Protein backbone atom coordinates (compact mmCIF):
# COMPACT_ATOMS: atom_id res chain seq x y z
CA UNK A 1 -217.99 -139.31 -128.74
CA UNK A 2 -219.54 -140.76 -131.90
CA UNK A 3 -219.24 -139.20 -135.30
CA UNK A 4 -222.96 -138.31 -135.16
CA UNK A 5 -222.41 -136.57 -131.84
CA UNK A 6 -219.47 -134.64 -133.27
CA UNK A 7 -221.50 -133.55 -136.25
CA UNK A 8 -224.31 -132.47 -134.05
CA UNK A 9 -221.89 -130.29 -131.95
CA UNK A 10 -220.62 -128.72 -135.10
CA UNK A 11 -224.16 -127.98 -136.29
CA UNK A 12 -225.01 -126.50 -132.86
CA UNK A 13 -222.13 -124.14 -133.20
CA UNK A 14 -219.82 -125.69 -130.64
CA UNK A 15 -216.01 -125.40 -130.97
CA UNK A 16 -213.55 -127.65 -129.04
CA UNK A 17 -210.38 -126.06 -127.77
CA UNK A 18 -207.37 -127.77 -126.17
CA UNK A 19 -206.02 -126.79 -122.83
CA UNK A 20 -202.19 -127.50 -122.52
CA UNK A 21 -200.31 -127.32 -119.27
CA UNK A 22 -196.81 -126.13 -119.67
CA UNK A 23 -196.14 -123.77 -116.78
CA UNK A 24 -194.76 -126.19 -114.28
CA UNK A 25 -194.10 -129.15 -116.51
CA UNK A 26 -191.01 -130.32 -118.38
CA UNK A 27 -193.08 -131.22 -121.42
CA UNK A 28 -196.30 -129.50 -122.42
CA UNK A 29 -199.28 -131.78 -122.55
CA UNK A 30 -203.01 -131.61 -123.23
CA UNK A 31 -204.94 -132.01 -120.01
CA UNK A 32 -208.50 -131.17 -121.36
CA UNK A 33 -210.74 -130.57 -124.33
CA UNK A 34 -213.32 -127.87 -123.56
CA UNK A 35 -216.45 -127.14 -125.59
CA UNK A 36 -217.16 -123.43 -126.10
CA UNK A 37 -219.69 -121.57 -128.25
CA UNK A 38 -218.50 -120.93 -131.86
CA UNK A 39 -220.20 -117.54 -131.56
CA UNK A 40 -217.82 -116.36 -128.81
CA UNK A 41 -214.86 -114.11 -129.63
CA UNK A 42 -211.39 -115.65 -129.24
CA UNK A 43 -210.92 -113.88 -125.93
CA UNK A 44 -214.21 -115.15 -124.62
CA UNK A 45 -213.23 -118.74 -125.66
CA UNK A 46 -209.86 -118.41 -123.82
CA UNK A 47 -211.52 -117.01 -120.70
CA UNK A 48 -214.23 -119.70 -120.81
CA UNK A 49 -211.65 -122.53 -121.05
CA UNK A 50 -209.46 -121.08 -118.35
CA UNK A 51 -212.52 -120.73 -115.97
CA UNK A 52 -213.72 -124.35 -116.79
CA UNK A 53 -210.21 -125.75 -116.00
CA UNK A 54 -209.87 -124.19 -112.62
CA UNK A 55 -211.21 -125.89 -109.46
CA UNK A 56 -213.54 -123.68 -107.50
CA UNK A 57 -216.36 -125.61 -105.84
CA UNK A 58 -215.44 -129.02 -107.31
CA UNK A 59 -212.65 -130.54 -109.35
CA UNK A 60 -212.55 -128.88 -112.70
CA UNK A 61 -212.76 -132.04 -114.66
CA UNK A 62 -216.29 -132.53 -113.40
CA UNK A 63 -217.48 -129.29 -115.25
CA UNK A 64 -219.88 -129.67 -118.01
CA UNK A 65 -218.30 -129.36 -121.45
CA UNK A 66 -214.92 -130.52 -120.24
CA UNK A 67 -213.35 -133.69 -121.29
CA UNK A 68 -210.32 -134.65 -119.12
CA UNK A 69 -207.27 -135.90 -121.07
CA UNK A 70 -205.01 -136.90 -118.22
CA UNK A 71 -204.48 -140.40 -116.80
CA UNK A 72 -203.83 -139.64 -113.14
CA UNK A 73 -206.34 -139.25 -110.37
CA UNK A 74 -206.20 -135.45 -110.52
CA UNK A 75 -204.67 -132.53 -112.35
CA UNK A 76 -203.81 -129.00 -111.23
CA UNK A 77 -205.83 -125.96 -112.36
CA UNK A 78 -204.83 -124.04 -115.50
CA UNK A 79 -202.34 -121.35 -114.58
CA UNK A 80 -200.11 -118.50 -115.92
CA UNK A 81 -197.77 -120.02 -118.44
CA UNK A 82 -200.23 -122.65 -119.64
CA UNK A 83 -201.65 -122.55 -123.24
CA UNK A 84 -204.88 -122.96 -125.09
CA UNK A 85 -205.13 -124.09 -128.68
CA UNK A 86 -208.07 -122.66 -130.74
CA UNK A 87 -208.00 -124.16 -134.20
CA UNK A 88 -204.39 -123.72 -135.34
CA UNK A 89 -203.55 -120.72 -133.03
CA UNK A 90 -201.98 -121.24 -129.61
CA UNK A 91 -202.32 -118.70 -126.88
CA UNK A 92 -200.24 -118.46 -123.73
CA UNK A 93 -201.79 -117.38 -120.44
CA UNK A 94 -199.97 -114.24 -119.24
CA UNK A 95 -200.33 -112.67 -115.78
CA UNK A 96 -202.94 -110.37 -117.43
CA UNK A 97 -204.63 -111.67 -120.56
CA UNK A 98 -203.30 -113.80 -123.33
CA UNK A 99 -200.60 -113.71 -125.97
CA UNK A 100 -200.38 -115.48 -129.32
CA UNK A 101 -197.56 -118.02 -129.37
């Protein structure tokens, strides 16, 4: 993404959150950058990023607003125990909801 594109996204009110897989991995690692509306609440951003990084009808990395950050041919869906970074705050996916790490 060019600097102009990044500036336009900021102007349009788009935040980018990082999806980190840690649940089944020895070392946590970023698997996706997901664009969400800056107008959303924190919980809405978490739920949107979770939904967009789960494969339902197609591989999740094909979803609009998702930039895959893994090198392999595929990647599992986001699950309980994985995390999402919004700004400087990291949230862990619990069996019901999210907790601040």
